[in-house]
Amino acid sequence: MTNLQKKIATITATAALLVNTALPVLAGTTIEISGNGTYSDNDATVSLGQSTTVVQSNFSDVYNRVDADADTGDNDANDNTGGEVSVETGDASVDVRVSNALNSNTAEVDCCPSGDVDVLISGNGSNSDNTVGLKMGSSTELYQENVADVTNKVYADADTGGNDAEDNTGGSVSVETGNASVKVDLATTANSNSAKVGGEGEGGSLSAWITGNGTYSDNDIDLELGSLVLLAQSNFADVYNKVDADADTGDNDADDNTGGDVSVETGDAEVDVEVDNLVNFNWADLECGCLLDDLWVKIGGNGSDSDNTIGAELGQETLAFQGNCAEDGPEGLTDNHKEDCELENKLELDADSGKNDAEDNTGEPDGDPGIVTGDADASADIENSGNVNVLGDVSFDLPEFDFDFDFGLNWLLIWGWLSGTSS
């Protein structure tokens, strides 16, 4: 499993998933004008409407401050007479891990009407006036917004040493300092929107018939069918990481000793800092081409001099807005957080080994003072990834981050793949 997979996996365990499933319901509908007498005036006006609005918003303000210190040493072995003097300092180790998983919205909305609609004008007498007006509308609005303000401050220090072995007479003097190690892991995962509009619903069918009506009859069917899908996804993330990490070993004094050898040995100093930030991700799959699966229109078998009209107006509009920090959307999703949208990492690393003193010592003629200094190593690994918008059932690749997103999968399966829980 990659580091990124491990990082994203935390969101499945700690972030709140808000799931909305909205399914429109339209049972079978039949509109019929039939069997009416001569000179009758018959009208049927039907309006079928469906409106679905889903609003998902998350606001997170996280502030983490960690002060971690590990100290070993500061021992004194001074003014001793006779025998050997030995000072040994143990290891000092600091390990800090901060993980933030914030803000996830998941929504699945079916915008397709279900059921069948039948409109029939038939068998009416001569000189009758028959009209059916049918208006069907579907409106789906989905708003997803995440705002995350994350501040991580870590102050980590590991110190070993600071020992004194001075003014000792007789025997050898030995000062040994342990290792100082600092390790800091910071992981912030914030802001994810996933939307699937369309679901598995079917559009149903519509049939319109004008048949078998008498002479001089006036027959009209007016159909107005419309569908609107509005999707707006927006993320705003302000992440600030500040890490001050210090590892020090040394600062030992072995001065003014008489007799025997003088040895000062300093352990290793190591600083290792990893910062991973993954922010701002939008994914949407819009499949609302399902206004109607089938449309049947027929005018037939009507009497002489009859006036028969079927008018059908079909319209479908899809609007999608996806933005991470920089793009405007519809009302309610503006760039009012844009000034706070940034990702900043500030690292100050220090690894010090040495600063030992072995001065003014008097020993055997062939016994020279010895000082051995350990290694000092500081390493930092920073990975930032952000601002991804994907619309539609496509495959998307981010090679610079060494991972692939397959957006043809269900969102939960994507999370499963990233977390290593599914193949």
Protein backbone atom coordinates (compact mmCIF):
# COMPACT_ATOMS: atom_id res chain seq x y z
CA MET A 1 0.00 0.00 0.00
CA THR A 2 1.38 3.41 -0.91
CA ASN A 3 1.74 6.24 1.59
CA LEU A 4 -1.08 8.00 -0.20
CA GLN A 5 -3.30 4.96 0.15
CA LYS A 6 -2.55 4.79 3.86
CA LYS A 7 -3.31 8.43 4.22
CA ILE A 8 -6.62 8.35 2.39
CA ALA A 9 -7.61 5.20 4.23
CA THR A 10 -7.93 7.24 7.42
CA ILE A 11 -10.85 9.13 5.94
CA THR A 12 -12.94 5.97 5.75
CA ALA A 13 -12.42 5.44 9.46
CA THR A 14 -12.55 8.95 10.88
CA ALA A 15 -14.34 11.30 8.51
CA ALA A 16 -18.09 11.72 8.57
CA LEU A 17 -19.73 10.53 5.37
CA LEU A 18 -22.99 12.26 4.62
CA VAL A 19 -24.96 10.15 2.14
CA ASN A 20 -28.18 11.31 0.55
CA THR A 21 -30.19 9.12 -1.76
CA ALA A 22 -33.18 10.71 -3.44
CA LEU A 23 -35.37 8.69 -5.76
CA PRO A 24 -38.24 10.37 -7.64
CA VAL A 25 -41.51 8.50 -7.67
CA LEU A 26 -43.99 8.68 -10.50
CA ALA A 27 -46.51 5.89 -10.80
CA GLY A 28 -48.17 4.94 -14.10
CA THR A 29 -50.40 7.77 -15.35
CA THR A 30 -53.25 7.54 -17.88
CA ILE A 31 -55.03 10.59 -19.30
CA GLU A 32 -58.02 9.72 -21.47
CA ILE A 33 -60.81 11.67 -23.20
CA SER A 34 -63.11 9.20 -24.92
CA GLY A 35 -66.74 8.39 -25.70
CA ASN A 36 -68.08 11.93 -25.47
CA GLY A 37 -71.05 13.17 -27.48
CA THR A 38 -71.32 15.57 -30.38
CA TYR A 39 -70.57 19.23 -29.74
CA SER A 40 -69.00 18.36 -26.40
CA ASP A 41 -66.08 20.45 -25.12
CA ASN A 42 -63.59 18.32 -23.17
CA ASP A 43 -60.34 19.46 -21.58
CA ALA A 44 -57.78 17.64 -19.43
CA THR A 45 -54.92 19.65 -17.98
CA VAL A 46 -52.33 17.70 -16.00
CA SER A 47 -49.13 18.97 -14.41
CA LEU A 48 -46.63 16.47 -13.00
CA GLY A 49 -43.66 17.99 -11.20
CA GLN A 50 -40.74 16.68 -9.23
CA SER A 51 -38.11 18.73 -7.42
CA THR A 52 -35.15 17.32 -5.52
CA THR A 53 -32.67 19.52 -3.66
CA VAL A 54 -29.69 18.13 -1.76
CA VAL A 55 -27.37 20.42 0.21
CA GLN A 56 -24.27 19.04 1.93
CA SER A 57 -21.85 21.29 3.80
CA ASN A 58 -18.95 20.63 6.13
CA PHE A 59 -16.94 23.19 8.07
CA SER A 60 -13.87 22.13 10.05
CA ASP A 61 -11.45 24.21 12.11
CA VAL A 62 -8.62 22.09 13.50
CA TYR A 63 -5.70 23.36 15.56
CA ASN A 64 -3.07 20.93 16.81
CA ARG A 65 -0.09 22.01 18.91
CA VAL A 66 2.39 19.45 20.14
CA ASP A 67 5.36 20.23 22.40
CA ALA A 68 7.49 17.12 22.83
CA ASP A 69 10.83 17.00 24.63
CA ALA A 70 13.07 14.09 25.50
CA ASP A 71 16.24 14.83 27.48
CA THR A 72 18.85 12.53 28.87
CA GLY A 73 22.22 13.54 30.25
CA ASP A 74 23.34 16.61 32.15
CA ASN A 75 25.32 14.34 34.48
CA ASP A 76 28.23 15.52 36.62
CA ALA A 77 31.21 13.36 37.65
CA ASN A 78 33.71 15.88 38.93
CA ASP A 79 36.52 16.12 41.46
CA ASN A 80 36.87 12.37 41.96
CA THR A 81 40.15 10.85 43.20
CA GLY A 82 41.11 7.27 42.45
CA GLY A 83 39.56 4.74 40.17
CA GLU A 84 38.02 5.22 36.78
CA VAL A 85 35.29 7.71 36.01
CA SER A 86 32.59 6.68 33.55
CA VAL A 87 29.56 8.67 32.44
CA GLU A 88 27.12 7.03 30.05
CA THR A 89 23.98 8.74 28.77
CA GLY A 90 21.04 6.83 27.33
CA ASP A 91 19.09 7.55 24.15
CA ALA A 92 16.56 10.35 23.76
CA SER A 93 13.75 9.71 21.30
CA VAL A 94 10.71 11.75 20.25
CA ASP A 95 8.04 10.34 17.92
CA VAL A 96 5.11 12.59 17.00
CA ARG A 97 2.28 11.61 14.67
CA VAL A 98 -0.58 13.92 13.74
CA SER A 99 -3.31 12.78 11.36
CA ASN A 100 -6.30 14.88 10.28
CA ALA A 101 -9.10 13.48 8.12
CA LEU A 102 -11.82 16.00 7.38
CA ASN A 103 -14.89 16.73 5.29
CA SER A 104 -16.38 14.22 2.91
CA ASN A 105 -19.71 14.42 1.07
CA THR A 106 -21.27 11.57 -0.86
CA ALA A 107 -24.60 11.82 -2.66
CA GLU A 108 -26.52 9.61 -5.05
CA VAL A 109 -29.60 11.17 -6.64
CA ASP A 110 -31.86 9.56 -9.23
CA CYS A 111 -33.17 12.26 -11.55
CA CYS A 112 -35.09 9.90 -13.82
CA PRO A 113 -38.89 9.76 -13.58
CA SER A 114 -40.29 6.27 -13.23
CA GLY A 115 -43.52 4.85 -14.58
CA ASP A 116 -45.40 5.21 -17.86
CA VAL A 117 -47.75 7.95 -19.07
CA ASP A 118 -50.55 7.32 -21.58
CA VAL A 119 -52.58 10.12 -23.21
CA LEU A 120 -55.62 9.12 -25.31
CA ILE A 121 -58.30 11.08 -27.18
CA SER A 122 -60.60 8.62 -28.93
CA GLY A 123 -64.17 7.83 -29.84
CA ASN A 124 -65.60 11.31 -29.36
CA GLY A 125 -68.54 12.62 -31.36
CA SER A 126 -68.61 14.95 -34.33
CA ASN A 127 -68.01 18.62 -33.74
CA SER A 128 -66.52 17.88 -30.33
CA ASP A 129 -63.62 19.95 -29.01
CA ASN A 130 -61.11 17.84 -27.08
CA THR A 131 -57.87 19.05 -25.51
CA VAL A 132 -55.25 17.44 -23.29
CA GLY A 133 -52.47 19.56 -21.82
CA LEU A 134 -49.70 17.65 -20.07
CA LYS A 135 -46.75 19.29 -18.36
CA MET A 136 -44.04 17.15 -16.81
CA GLY A 137 -41.03 18.69 -15.12
CA SER A 138 -38.09 17.33 -13.18
CA SER A 139 -35.63 19.50 -11.28
CA THR A 140 -32.60 18.15 -9.43
CA GLU A 141 -30.21 20.40 -7.55
CA LEU A 142 -27.20 19.11 -5.68
CA TYR A 143 -24.86 21.35 -3.69
CA GLN A 144 -21.72 20.09 -1.97
CA GLU A 145 -19.29 22.33 -0.16
CA ASN A 146 -16.38 21.74 2.21
CA VAL A 147 -14.37 24.29 4.16
CA ALA A 148 -11.34 23.15 6.14
CA ASP A 149 -8.94 25.26 8.21
CA VAL A 150 -6.13 23.12 9.59
CA THR A 151 -3.16 24.30 11.62
CA ASN A 152 -0.54 21.87 12.86
CA LYS A 153 2.33 23.10 15.03
CA VAL A 154 4.87 20.60 16.27
CA TYR A 155 7.86 21.44 18.45
CA ALA A 156 9.97 18.36 19.00
CA ASP A 157 13.33 18.23 20.76
CA ALA A 158 15.54 15.31 21.71
CA ASP A 159 18.70 16.07 23.65
CA THR A 160 21.32 13.77 25.01
CA GLY A 161 24.66 14.81 26.44
CA GLY A 162 25.63 17.85 28.41
CA ASN A 163 27.71 15.69 30.74
CA ASP A 164 30.65 16.91 32.83
CA ALA A 165 33.62 14.79 33.91
CA GLU A 166 36.17 17.30 35.16
CA ASP A 167 38.99 17.65 37.66
CA ASN A 168 39.21 13.92 38.29
CA THR A 169 42.49 12.37 39.52
CA GLY A 170 43.50 8.76 38.86
CA GLY A 171 42.14 6.26 36.40
CA SER A 172 40.62 6.78 33.02
CA VAL A 173 37.76 9.10 32.25
CA SER A 174 35.06 7.96 29.83
CA VAL A 175 32.02 9.91 28.67
CA GLU A 176 29.59 8.22 26.30
CA THR A 177 26.48 9.95 24.97
CA GLY A 178 23.46 8.09 23.58
CA ASN A 179 21.57 8.78 20.38
CA ALA A 180 19.09 11.60 19.90
CA SER A 181 16.24 10.90 17.50
CA VAL A 182 13.24 12.97 16.42
CA LYS A 183 10.56 11.67 14.06
CA VAL A 184 7.50 13.71 13.05
CA ASP A 185 4.69 12.52 10.75
CA LEU A 186 2.00 14.96 9.67
CA ALA A 187 -0.86 13.85 7.42
CA THR A 188 -3.81 16.02 6.46
CA THR A 189 -6.60 14.77 4.23
CA ALA A 190 -9.36 17.30 3.64
CA ASN A 191 -12.29 17.95 1.35
CA SER A 192 -13.82 15.36 -0.91
CA ASN A 193 -17.05 15.54 -2.90
CA SER A 194 -18.58 12.58 -4.70
CA ALA A 195 -21.84 12.78 -6.62
CA LYS A 196 -23.68 10.35 -8.85
CA VAL A 197 -26.76 11.82 -10.49
CA GLY A 198 -28.90 9.41 -12.46
CA GLY A 199 -28.68 6.21 -10.49
CA GLU A 200 -30.26 3.10 -11.92
CA GLY A 201 -33.70 4.57 -12.62
CA GLU A 202 -35.47 4.27 -15.98
CA GLY A 203 -37.17 7.10 -17.75
CA GLY A 204 -40.41 5.27 -18.50
CA SER A 205 -42.43 5.79 -21.68
CA LEU A 206 -45.02 8.23 -22.97
CA SER A 207 -47.66 7.51 -25.58
CA ALA A 208 -50.03 10.05 -27.14
CA TRP A 209 -52.94 8.93 -29.37
CA ILE A 210 -55.67 10.76 -31.28
CA THR A 211 -57.80 8.11 -32.96
CA GLY A 212 -61.34 7.37 -34.01
CA ASN A 213 -62.88 10.79 -33.45
CA GLY A 214 -65.86 12.12 -35.41
CA THR A 215 -66.06 14.52 -38.31
CA TYR A 216 -65.35 18.18 -37.70
CA SER A 217 -63.87 17.35 -34.31
CA ASP A 218 -61.02 19.49 -33.01
CA ASN A 219 -58.46 17.39 -31.11
CA ASP A 220 -55.24 18.68 -29.51
CA ILE A 221 -52.57 17.16 -27.30
CA ASP A 222 -49.91 19.54 -25.98
CA LEU A 223 -46.91 17.96 -24.31
CA GLU A 224 -44.24 19.93 -22.45
CA LEU A 225 -41.48 17.83 -20.93
CA GLY A 226 -38.47 19.38 -19.22
CA SER A 227 -35.56 18.26 -17.07
CA LEU A 228 -32.98 20.36 -15.23
CA VAL A 229 -29.94 19.02 -13.38
CA LEU A 230 -27.73 21.43 -11.45
CA LEU A 231 -24.58 20.17 -9.77
CA ALA A 232 -22.26 22.44 -7.78
CA GLN A 233 -19.18 21.15 -5.98
CA SER A 234 -16.73 23.36 -4.17
CA ASN A 235 -13.83 22.92 -1.76
CA PHE A 236 -11.80 25.40 0.25
CA ALA A 237 -8.80 24.28 2.28
CA ASP A 238 -6.30 26.30 4.30
CA VAL A 239 -3.55 24.07 5.66
CA TYR A 240 -0.57 25.40 7.61
CA ASN A 241 2.09 23.05 8.93
CA LYS A 242 4.93 24.31 11.08
CA VAL A 243 7.53 21.87 12.36
CA ASP A 244 10.51 22.75 14.53
CA ALA A 245 12.54 19.61 15.06
CA ASP A 246 15.89 19.47 16.86
CA ALA A 247 18.11 16.54 17.74
CA ASP A 248 21.28 17.31 19.70
CA THR A 249 23.90 15.01 21.07
CA GLY A 250 27.22 16.13 22.53
CA ASP A 251 28.17 19.22 24.50
CA ASN A 252 30.22 17.04 26.83
CA ASP A 253 33.14 18.35 28.88
CA ALA A 254 36.08 16.23 30.01
CA ASP A 255 38.63 18.82 31.14
CA ASP A 256 41.43 19.14 33.65
CA ASN A 257 41.66 15.42 34.38
CA THR A 258 44.90 13.89 35.68
CA GLY A 259 45.92 10.29 35.11
CA GLY A 260 44.66 7.72 32.65
CA ASP A 261 43.09 8.13 29.25
CA VAL A 262 40.30 10.53 28.43
CA SER A 263 37.63 9.37 26.00
CA VAL A 264 34.56 11.22 24.79
CA GLU A 265 32.13 9.50 22.42
CA THR A 266 29.02 11.19 21.05
CA GLY A 267 26.02 9.31 19.67
CA ASP A 268 24.13 10.01 16.45
CA ALA A 269 21.66 12.85 15.97
CA GLU A 270 18.82 12.17 13.55
CA VAL A 271 15.80 14.19 12.45
CA ASP A 272 13.17 12.70 10.14
CA VAL A 273 10.10 14.72 9.14
CA GLU A 274 7.35 13.66 6.72
CA VAL A 275 4.52 15.98 5.70
CA ASP A 276 1.70 14.71 3.46
CA ASN A 277 -1.16 16.93 2.36
CA LEU A 278 -4.05 15.82 0.15
CA VAL A 279 -6.75 18.45 -0.34
CA ASN A 280 -9.59 19.27 -2.69
CA PHE A 281 -11.12 16.56 -4.82
CA ASN A 282 -14.35 16.57 -6.83
CA TRP A 283 -15.85 13.66 -8.73
CA ALA A 284 -19.18 13.61 -10.52
CA ASP A 285 -20.96 11.18 -12.80
CA LEU A 286 -24.01 12.65 -14.52
CA GLU A 287 -26.25 10.18 -16.33
CA CYS A 288 -29.52 12.02 -16.77
CA GLY A 289 -30.23 11.26 -20.39
CA CYS A 290 -33.32 9.46 -19.21
CA LEU A 291 -36.12 11.96 -19.67
CA LEU A 292 -38.01 9.30 -21.60
CA ASP A 293 -36.99 5.88 -22.75
CA ASP A 294 -39.81 5.69 -25.33
CA LEU A 295 -42.16 8.25 -26.88
CA TRP A 296 -45.10 7.11 -29.02
CA VAL A 297 -47.24 9.66 -30.90
CA LYS A 298 -50.11 8.65 -33.22
CA ILE A 299 -52.94 10.40 -35.04
CA GLY A 300 -55.10 8.00 -37.00
CA GLY A 301 -58.66 6.96 -37.99
CA ASN A 302 -60.32 10.32 -37.37
CA GLY A 303 -63.33 11.62 -39.31
CA SER A 304 -63.38 13.96 -42.28
CA ASP A 305 -62.66 17.62 -41.68
CA SER A 306 -61.34 16.87 -38.21
CA ASP A 307 -58.53 19.05 -36.89
CA ASN A 308 -55.97 16.97 -34.98
CA THR A 309 -52.75 18.28 -33.42
CA ILE A 310 -50.10 16.80 -31.15
CA GLY A 311 -47.46 19.25 -29.98
CA ALA A 312 -44.47 17.99 -28.02
CA GLU A 313 -41.73 20.11 -26.49
CA LEU A 314 -38.87 18.16 -24.95
CA GLY A 315 -36.02 19.87 -23.16
CA GLN A 316 -33.17 18.78 -20.94
CA GLU A 317 -30.52 20.99 -19.36
CA THR A 318 -27.51 19.94 -17.31
CA LEU A 319 -25.32 22.43 -15.44
CA ALA A 320 -22.19 21.38 -13.56
CA PHE A 321 -19.89 23.60 -11.49
CA GLN A 322 -16.74 22.18 -9.96
CA GLY A 323 -14.29 24.41 -8.15
CA ASN A 324 -11.37 24.17 -5.78
CA CYS A 325 -10.58 27.58 -4.33
CA ALA A 326 -10.60 29.54 -7.55
CA GLU A 327 -13.84 29.17 -9.45
CA ASP A 328 -17.24 30.79 -9.02
CA GLY A 329 -20.39 28.76 -9.08
CA PRO A 330 -24.08 29.46 -8.67
CA GLU A 331 -25.45 31.49 -5.80
CA GLY A 332 -24.40 29.95 -2.52
CA LEU A 333 -21.10 28.66 -3.85
CA THR A 334 -18.96 31.73 -4.46
CA ASP A 335 -15.30 32.38 -3.91
CA ASN A 336 -15.82 33.97 -0.51
CA HIS A 337 -13.21 31.66 1.01
CA LYS A 338 -10.66 32.04 -1.74
CA GLU A 339 -8.42 34.36 0.22
CA ASP A 340 -8.04 31.65 2.87
CA CYS A 341 -7.30 28.89 0.42
CA GLU A 342 -3.66 27.92 0.55
CA LEU A 343 -1.29 25.19 1.56
CA GLU A 344 1.85 26.22 3.44
CA ASN A 345 4.59 24.09 4.98
CA LYS A 346 7.31 25.57 7.16
CA LEU A 347 10.03 23.23 8.41
CA GLU A 348 13.01 24.05 10.60
CA LEU A 349 15.27 21.04 11.11
CA ASP A 350 18.46 20.82 13.14
CA ALA A 351 20.63 17.81 13.82
CA ASP A 352 23.79 18.51 15.87
CA SER A 353 26.43 16.12 17.04
CA GLY A 354 29.65 17.25 18.70
CA LYS A 355 30.63 20.35 20.65
CA ASN A 356 32.67 18.20 23.02
CA ASP A 357 35.59 19.49 25.06
CA ALA A 358 38.60 17.44 26.21
CA GLU A 359 41.09 20.04 27.38
CA ASP A 360 43.93 20.41 29.87
CA ASN A 361 44.03 16.71 30.63
CA THR A 362 47.23 15.03 31.99
CA GLY A 363 47.60 11.33 31.45
CA GLU A 364 50.05 8.58 30.49
CA PRO A 365 52.67 9.63 27.94
CA ASP A 366 51.25 7.26 25.34
CA GLY A 367 47.59 7.90 26.20
CA ASP A 368 46.18 10.64 23.99
CA PRO A 369 42.69 12.04 24.61
CA GLY A 370 40.13 10.69 22.15
CA ILE A 371 36.93 12.29 20.86
CA VAL A 372 34.53 10.42 18.58
CA THR A 373 31.55 12.30 17.21
CA GLY A 374 28.47 10.52 15.87
CA ASP A 375 26.60 11.26 12.65
CA ALA A 376 24.17 14.13 12.24
CA ASP A 377 21.34 13.52 9.78
CA ALA A 378 18.30 15.65 8.94
CA SER A 379 15.78 14.61 6.29
CA ALA A 380 12.45 16.05 5.21
CA ASP A 381 9.88 14.59 2.84
CA ILE A 382 7.01 16.85 1.77
CA GLU A 383 4.22 15.70 -0.54
CA ASN A 384 1.42 18.02 -1.61
CA SER A 385 -1.45 17.08 -3.90
CA GLY A 386 -4.61 19.04 -4.52
CA ASN A 387 -7.18 20.48 -6.87
CA VAL A 388 -8.69 17.69 -8.94
CA ASN A 389 -11.98 17.98 -10.83
CA VAL A 390 -13.45 15.08 -12.77
CA LEU A 391 -16.79 15.04 -14.53
CA GLY A 392 -18.12 11.92 -16.21
CA ASP A 393 -17.22 8.28 -16.33
CA VAL A 394 -13.57 8.64 -17.35
CA SER A 395 -10.17 7.38 -16.32
CA PHE A 396 -7.89 9.96 -14.78
CA ASP A 397 -4.17 9.66 -14.11
CA LEU A 398 -1.86 11.68 -11.90
CA PRO A 399 1.58 10.23 -12.65
CA GLU A 400 3.52 12.79 -10.66
CA PHE A 401 1.95 11.44 -7.49
CA ASP A 402 2.46 7.84 -8.50
CA PHE A 403 -1.13 6.72 -8.23
CA ASP A 404 -4.11 6.24 -10.51
CA PHE A 405 -7.75 7.15 -10.08
CA ASP A 406 -10.25 5.04 -11.97
CA PHE A 407 -13.40 7.11 -11.96
CA GLY A 408 -15.37 4.45 -13.71
CA LEU A 409 -15.73 2.82 -10.30
CA ASN A 410 -18.29 3.53 -7.64
CA TRP A 411 -17.04 6.11 -5.13
CA LEU A 412 -17.02 3.66 -2.27
CA LEU A 413 -15.03 1.25 -4.40
CA ILE A 414 -12.56 4.03 -5.11
CA TRP A 415 -12.08 4.51 -1.39
CA GLY A 416 -11.73 0.77 -1.00
CA TRP A 417 -9.03 0.64 -3.66
CA LEU A 418 -7.13 3.56 -2.17
CA SER A 419 -7.31 2.06 1.31
CA GLY A 420 -6.23 -1.36 0.04
CA THR A 421 -9.42 -3.06 1.22
CA SER A 422 -10.52 -4.10 -2.25
CA SER A 423 -8.80 -5.17 -5.43
